[in-house]
Amino acid sequence: TVATSGSAIVYDDAGKNLHRNQYSFASGLLGAMENEGSYFFDAYAVHPYHVAQAPEVKDVWIENTTWSEQAQYGKVAFDAYGVPAGKELWSTEFGYSAKDSEADSANALQKASWIVRTMLLNEIGKYHEKMYVYDILNDGLNTSDGEHNFGMINYCENAAWNNVTAYAAKPQYLAMAQYNKMLAGAELKSANV
């Protein structure tokens, strides 16, 4: 069983004083922890978005934290509330919108590199046992709408009318394909970077 609050981490310090609001994974996770709910799930899913910056840079939209600082608080909360060994923390949504970047290959390439770097940071820090990129397919064609542009593949409906090749792989998809090809079966030996 995978439990989720379907939202991002918002915290005060070391997982002890997590904000409880509609955007906070803490609302669901801490409620479950305080009532020994961790005995009833195998994994807990979070959405650790790092919206406007590279994963190594503090993002003012997400509590002025780096991706790694944000990601570690799930494990800290697990430890603080004595979650039994063997329970996993999953990232069932993370990604970077390529908003306004369809005509700007530098921005789209930059966002693609951020996805790969986030995956590498997770591998080094061992924050989440599973990582799922949001979203496989763009939700629309409006390049100024961030929600339309998280996809790793172009939207299909009326794509030709908007000078977009339907179902074409975007840089994010190609970067993840190369990441998976290069690191399949690899084992991290050192985190010195």
C-alpha atoms as a PDB file:
ATOM      1  CA  THR A   1       0.000   0.000   0.000  1.00  0.00           C
ATOM      2  CA  VAL A   2       1.289   3.436  -0.947  1.00  0.00           C
ATOM      3  CA  ALA A   3      -0.049   6.347   1.086  1.00  0.00           C
ATOM      4  CA  THR A   4       0.164   9.902  -0.183  1.00  0.00           C
ATOM      5  CA  SER A   5      -0.960  13.391   0.558  1.00  0.00           C
ATOM      6  CA  GLY A   6      -0.080  14.308  -3.008  1.00  0.00           C
ATOM      7  CA  SER A   7       1.739  17.503  -2.177  1.00  0.00           C
ATOM      8  CA  ALA A   8       5.106  19.060  -1.603  1.00  0.00           C
ATOM      9  CA  ILE A   9       7.204  19.267   1.529  1.00  0.00           C
ATOM     10  CA  VAL A  10       7.027  22.482   3.544  1.00  0.00           C
ATOM     11  CA  TYR A  11       8.963  22.588   6.808  1.00  0.00           C
ATOM     12  CA  ASP A  12      10.358  24.761   9.566  1.00  0.00           C
ATOM     13  CA  ASP A  13      13.302  22.751  10.866  1.00  0.00           C
ATOM     14  CA  ALA A  14      14.624  19.192  10.717  1.00  0.00           C
ATOM     15  CA  GLY A  15      11.175  17.733  10.161  1.00  0.00           C
ATOM     16  CA  LYS A  16      10.036  18.496  13.737  1.00  0.00           C
ATOM     17  CA  ASN A  17       7.913  21.568  13.007  1.00  0.00           C
ATOM     18  CA  LEU A  18       6.479  20.906   9.573  1.00  0.00           C
ATOM     19  CA  HIS A  19       3.819  23.281   8.318  1.00  0.00           C
ATOM     20  CA  ARG A  20       0.353  21.808   8.132  1.00  0.00           C
ATOM     21  CA  ASN A  21      -1.314  23.390   5.156  1.00  0.00           C
ATOM     22  CA  GLN A  22      -2.985  22.266   1.968  1.00  0.00           C
ATOM     23  CA  TYR A  23       0.323  22.249   0.094  1.00  0.00           C
ATOM     24  CA  SER A  24       2.303  20.371   2.705  1.00  0.00           C
ATOM     25  CA  PHE A  25       3.005  16.671   2.588  1.00  0.00           C
ATOM     26  CA  ALA A  26       3.393  17.109   6.327  1.00  0.00           C
ATOM     27  CA  SER A  27      -0.366  17.404   6.755  1.00  0.00           C
ATOM     28  CA  GLY A  28      -0.915  13.836   5.672  1.00  0.00           C
ATOM     29  CA  LEU A  29       2.387  12.297   6.719  1.00  0.00           C
ATOM     30  CA  LEU A  30       2.489  13.748  10.226  1.00  0.00           C
ATOM     31  CA  GLY A  31      -1.159  12.950  10.790  1.00  0.00           C
ATOM     32  CA  ALA A  32      -0.392   9.351   9.908  1.00  0.00           C
ATOM     33  CA  MET A  33       2.796   9.308  12.000  1.00  0.00           C
ATOM     34  CA  GLU A  34       1.142  10.746  15.093  1.00  0.00           C
ATOM     35  CA  ASN A  35      -1.521   8.047  14.945  1.00  0.00           C
ATOM     36  CA  GLU A  36       0.877   5.182  14.168  1.00  0.00           C
ATOM     37  CA  GLY A  37      -0.461   5.078  10.619  1.00  0.00           C
ATOM     38  CA  SER A  38       2.935   4.037   9.296  1.00  0.00           C
ATOM     39  CA  TYR A  39       2.084   0.465  10.243  1.00  0.00           C
ATOM     40  CA  PHE A  40      -0.588   0.505   7.545  1.00  0.00           C
ATOM     41  CA  PHE A  41       1.488   1.493   4.495  1.00  0.00           C
ATOM     42  CA  ASP A  42       4.544   0.134   2.705  1.00  0.00           C
ATOM     43  CA  ALA A  43       5.560   3.426   1.111  1.00  0.00           C
ATOM     44  CA  TYR A  44       4.677   7.091   1.414  1.00  0.00           C
ATOM     45  CA  ALA A  45       4.582   9.218  -1.739  1.00  0.00           C
ATOM     46  CA  VAL A  46       5.601  12.880  -1.879  1.00  0.00           C
ATOM     47  CA  HIS A  47       5.913  15.487  -4.636  1.00  0.00           C
ATOM     48  CA  PRO A  48       9.219  17.314  -4.041  1.00  0.00           C
ATOM     49  CA  TYR A  49       9.030  20.028  -6.680  1.00  0.00           C
ATOM     50  CA  HIS A  50      11.882  22.470  -7.050  1.00  0.00           C
ATOM     51  CA  VAL A  51      10.157  24.971  -9.268  1.00  0.00           C
ATOM     52  CA  ALA A  52      12.322  27.820 -10.463  1.00  0.00           C
ATOM     53  CA  GLN A  53      15.968  26.900  -9.911  1.00  0.00           C
ATOM     54  CA  ALA A  54      18.506  24.181 -10.583  1.00  0.00           C
ATOM     55  CA  PRO A  55      18.265  21.482  -7.895  1.00  0.00           C
ATOM     56  CA  GLU A  56      21.488  22.649  -6.222  1.00  0.00           C
ATOM     57  CA  VAL A  57      20.264  26.251  -5.886  1.00  0.00           C
ATOM     58  CA  LYS A  58      17.960  27.497  -3.122  1.00  0.00           C
ATOM     59  CA  ASP A  59      14.493  27.945  -4.616  1.00  0.00           C
ATOM     60  CA  VAL A  60      12.592  30.898  -3.173  1.00  0.00           C
ATOM     61  CA  TRP A  61       9.287  29.299  -4.213  1.00  0.00           C
ATOM     62  CA  ILE A  62       9.944  26.229  -2.070  1.00  0.00           C
ATOM     63  CA  GLU A  63      10.912  27.573   1.362  1.00  0.00           C
ATOM     64  CA  ASN A  64      14.311  28.781   0.070  1.00  0.00           C
ATOM     65  CA  THR A  65      15.790  25.283   0.024  1.00  0.00           C
ATOM     66  CA  THR A  66      17.833  23.216  -2.392  1.00  0.00           C
ATOM     67  CA  TRP A  67      16.187  20.069  -3.745  1.00  0.00           C
ATOM     68  CA  SER A  68      18.315  17.897  -1.455  1.00  0.00           C
ATOM     69  CA  GLU A  69      17.415  19.975   1.612  1.00  0.00           C
ATOM     70  CA  GLN A  70      13.747  19.622   0.751  1.00  0.00           C
ATOM     71  CA  ALA A  71      14.014  15.904  -0.033  1.00  0.00           C
ATOM     72  CA  GLN A  72      15.794  14.963   3.197  1.00  0.00           C
ATOM     73  CA  TYR A  73      12.898  16.064   5.404  1.00  0.00           C
ATOM     74  CA  GLY A  74      10.795  13.067   4.472  1.00  0.00           C
ATOM     75  CA  LYS A  75      13.472  10.784   5.911  1.00  0.00           C
ATOM     76  CA  VAL A  76      13.879  13.089   8.915  1.00  0.00           C
ATOM     77  CA  ALA A  77      10.134  12.894   9.568  1.00  0.00           C
ATOM     78  CA  PHE A  78      10.273   9.090   9.241  1.00  0.00           C
ATOM     79  CA  ASP A  79      13.039   8.999  11.847  1.00  0.00           C
ATOM     80  CA  ALA A  80      11.416  11.564  14.154  1.00  0.00           C
ATOM     81  CA  TYR A  81       8.202   9.547  14.332  1.00  0.00           C
ATOM     82  CA  GLY A  82       9.815   6.125  14.493  1.00  0.00           C
ATOM     83  CA  VAL A  83       8.538   4.777  11.193  1.00  0.00           C
ATOM     84  CA  PRO A  84       9.319   1.043  11.159  1.00  0.00           C
ATOM     85  CA  ALA A  85      12.293  -0.154   9.106  1.00  0.00           C
ATOM     86  CA  GLY A  86      11.508  -1.197   5.568  1.00  0.00           C
ATOM     87  CA  LYS A  87       9.004   1.563   4.859  1.00  0.00           C
ATOM     88  CA  GLU A  88       9.875   3.529   1.732  1.00  0.00           C
ATOM     89  CA  LEU A  89       9.576   7.152   0.683  1.00  0.00           C
ATOM     90  CA  TRP A  90       8.700   7.629  -2.994  1.00  0.00           C
ATOM     91  CA  SER A  91       8.703  10.729  -5.161  1.00  0.00           C
ATOM     92  CA  THR A  92       5.691  10.124  -7.351  1.00  0.00           C
ATOM     93  CA  GLU A  93       5.918  13.556  -8.962  1.00  0.00           C
ATOM     94  CA  PHE A  94       8.907  15.744  -9.620  1.00  0.00           C
ATOM     95  CA  GLY A  95       9.838  17.762 -12.652  1.00  0.00           C
ATOM     96  CA  TYR A  96      10.484  21.124 -14.215  1.00  0.00           C
ATOM     97  CA  SER A  97       8.122  22.964 -16.502  1.00  0.00           C
ATOM     98  CA  ALA A  98       9.633  24.003 -19.822  1.00  0.00           C
ATOM     99  CA  LYS A  99       7.300  27.000 -19.801  1.00  0.00           C
ATOM    100  CA  ASP A 100       8.180  29.524 -22.516  1.00  0.00           C
ATOM    101  CA  SER A 101      11.024  27.308 -23.638  1.00  0.00           C
ATOM    102  CA  GLU A 102       9.634  25.513 -26.662  1.00  0.00           C
ATOM    103  CA  ALA A 103      11.261  28.092 -28.930  1.00  0.00           C
ATOM    104  CA  ASP A 104      14.233  28.522 -26.586  1.00  0.00           C
ATOM    105  CA  SER A 105      16.328  25.357 -26.764  1.00  0.00           C
ATOM    106  CA  ALA A 106      18.746  26.633 -24.107  1.00  0.00           C
ATOM    107  CA  ASN A 107      15.950  26.783 -21.522  1.00  0.00           C
ATOM    108  CA  ALA A 108      14.547  23.382 -22.523  1.00  0.00           C
ATOM    109  CA  LEU A 109      18.039  21.858 -22.375  1.00  0.00           C
ATOM    110  CA  GLN A 110      18.663  23.479 -19.014  1.00  0.00           C
ATOM    111  CA  LYS A 111      15.463  21.994 -17.583  1.00  0.00           C
ATOM    112  CA  ALA A 112      16.440  18.591 -19.010  1.00  0.00           C
ATOM    113  CA  SER A 113      19.775  18.788 -17.195  1.00  0.00           C
ATOM    114  CA  TRP A 114      17.947  19.663 -13.966  1.00  0.00           C
ATOM    115  CA  ILE A 115      15.906  16.444 -14.172  1.00  0.00           C
ATOM    116  CA  VAL A 116      19.051  14.343 -14.547  1.00  0.00           C
ATOM    117  CA  ARG A 117      20.857  16.261 -11.796  1.00  0.00           C
ATOM    118  CA  THR A 118      17.878  15.762  -9.475  1.00  0.00           C
ATOM    119  CA  MET A 119      18.003  12.027 -10.144  1.00  0.00           C
ATOM    120  CA  LEU A 120      21.739  12.007  -9.379  1.00  0.00           C
ATOM    121  CA  LEU A 121      21.247  13.993  -6.160  1.00  0.00           C
ATOM    122  CA  ASN A 122      18.630  11.471  -5.086  1.00  0.00           C
ATOM    123  CA  GLU A 123      20.989   8.611  -5.845  1.00  0.00           C
ATOM    124  CA  ILE A 124      23.748  10.238  -3.786  1.00  0.00           C
ATOM    125  CA  GLY A 125      21.495  11.206  -0.856  1.00  0.00           C
ATOM    126  CA  LYS A 126      19.276   8.097  -0.934  1.00  0.00           C
ATOM    127  CA  TYR A 127      16.236  10.258  -0.148  1.00  0.00           C
ATOM    128  CA  HIS A 128      13.552   8.444  -2.145  1.00  0.00           C
ATOM    129  CA  GLU A 129      13.534   4.782  -3.115  1.00  0.00           C
ATOM    130  CA  LYS A 130      11.557   5.521  -6.285  1.00  0.00           C
ATOM    131  CA  MET A 131      11.434   8.650  -8.450  1.00  0.00           C
ATOM    132  CA  TYR A 132       8.758   9.409 -11.048  1.00  0.00           C
ATOM    133  CA  VAL A 133       9.110  12.346 -13.419  1.00  0.00           C
ATOM    134  CA  TYR A 134       5.987  14.441 -13.912  1.00  0.00           C
ATOM    135  CA  ASP A 135       4.737  14.421 -16.655  1.00  0.00           C
ATOM    136  CA  ILE A 136       5.167  12.055 -19.598  1.00  0.00           C
ATOM    137  CA  LEU A 137       3.010  14.165 -21.968  1.00  0.00           C
ATOM    138  CA  ASN A 138       2.582  17.929 -22.105  1.00  0.00           C
ATOM    139  CA  ASP A 139      -0.941  18.869 -21.022  1.00  0.00           C
ATOM    140  CA  GLY A 140      -1.471  21.456 -23.762  1.00  0.00           C
ATOM    141  CA  LEU A 141       0.105  23.752 -26.317  1.00  0.00           C
ATOM    142  CA  ASN A 142       0.257  27.062 -24.462  1.00  0.00           C
ATOM    143  CA  THR A 143       4.006  27.588 -23.973  1.00  0.00           C
ATOM    144  CA  SER A 144       3.410  30.350 -21.421  1.00  0.00           C
ATOM    145  CA  ASP A 145       1.345  28.041 -19.187  1.00  0.00           C
ATOM    146  CA  GLY A 146       3.639  26.176 -16.818  1.00  0.00           C
ATOM    147  CA  GLU A 147       1.142  23.348 -16.262  1.00  0.00           C
ATOM    148  CA  HIS A 148       1.031  22.671 -20.009  1.00  0.00           C
ATOM    149  CA  ASN A 149       4.804  22.179 -20.206  1.00  0.00           C
ATOM    150  CA  PHE A 150       5.961  19.641 -17.612  1.00  0.00           C
ATOM    151  CA  GLY A 151       5.752  16.834 -20.172  1.00  0.00           C
ATOM    152  CA  MET A 152       8.716  14.978 -21.630  1.00  0.00           C
ATOM    153  CA  ILE A 153       6.779  14.425 -24.877  1.00  0.00           C
ATOM    154  CA  ASN A 154       4.917  17.029 -26.950  1.00  0.00           C
ATOM    155  CA  TYR A 155       1.163  17.320 -26.731  1.00  0.00           C
ATOM    156  CA  CYS A 156      -0.695  15.776 -29.652  1.00  0.00           C
ATOM    157  CA  GLU A 157      -4.034  17.534 -30.271  1.00  0.00           C
ATOM    158  CA  ASN A 158      -3.738  20.235 -32.948  1.00  0.00           C
ATOM    159  CA  ALA A 159       0.046  20.089 -32.597  1.00  0.00           C
ATOM    160  CA  ALA A 160       0.730  20.754 -36.284  1.00  0.00           C
ATOM    161  CA  TRP A 161      -1.305  23.958 -36.126  1.00  0.00           C
ATOM    162  CA  ASN A 162       1.105  25.191 -33.449  1.00  0.00           C
ATOM    163  CA  ASN A 163       4.346  24.165 -35.201  1.00  0.00           C
ATOM    164  CA  VAL A 164       4.840  21.287 -32.769  1.00  0.00           C
ATOM    165  CA  THR A 165       5.482  17.686 -33.784  1.00  0.00           C
ATOM    166  CA  ALA A 166       2.904  15.554 -31.981  1.00  0.00           C
ATOM    167  CA  TYR A 167       4.409  13.002 -29.593  1.00  0.00           C
ATOM    168  CA  ALA A 168       7.965  14.160 -30.318  1.00  0.00           C
ATOM    169  CA  ALA A 169      10.443  13.630 -27.511  1.00  0.00           C
ATOM    170  CA  LYS A 170      11.484  16.825 -25.755  1.00  0.00           C
ATOM    171  CA  PRO A 171      14.998  17.318 -24.318  1.00  0.00           C
ATOM    172  CA  GLN A 172      13.796  16.082 -20.902  1.00  0.00           C
ATOM    173  CA  TYR A 173      12.854  12.707 -22.400  1.00  0.00           C
ATOM    174  CA  LEU A 174      16.130  12.350 -24.276  1.00  0.00           C
ATOM    175  CA  ALA A 175      18.123  13.278 -21.165  1.00  0.00           C
ATOM    176  CA  MET A 176      16.301  10.698 -19.022  1.00  0.00           C
ATOM    177  CA  ALA A 177      16.699   8.033 -21.712  1.00  0.00           C
ATOM    178  CA  GLN A 178      20.449   8.655 -21.783  1.00  0.00           C
ATOM    179  CA  TYR A 179      20.636   8.741 -17.974  1.00  0.00           C
ATOM    180  CA  ASN A 180      18.882   5.358 -17.758  1.00  0.00           C
ATOM    181  CA  LYS A 181      21.045   3.878 -20.518  1.00  0.00           C
ATOM    182  CA  MET A 182      24.301   5.020 -18.921  1.00  0.00           C
ATOM    183  CA  LEU A 183      23.446   4.118 -15.328  1.00  0.00           C
ATOM    184  CA  ALA A 184      21.377   0.933 -15.726  1.00  0.00           C
ATOM    185  CA  GLY A 185      22.778  -1.577 -13.266  1.00  0.00           C
ATOM    186  CA  ALA A 186      25.433   0.854 -12.029  1.00  0.00           C
ATOM    187  CA  GLU A 187      26.272   1.067  -8.328  1.00  0.00           C
ATOM    188  CA  LEU A 188      27.288   4.316  -6.636  1.00  0.00           C
ATOM    189  CA  LYS A 189      30.794   3.874  -5.219  1.00  0.00           C
ATOM    190  CA  SER A 190      31.486   7.427  -4.026  1.00  0.00           C
ATOM    191  CA  ALA A 191      29.479  10.594  -3.558  1.00  0.00           C
ATOM    192  CA  ASN A 192      32.498  12.874  -3.989  1.00  0.00           C
ATOM    193  CA  VAL A 193      31.534  15.362  -6.671  1.00  0.00           C
END
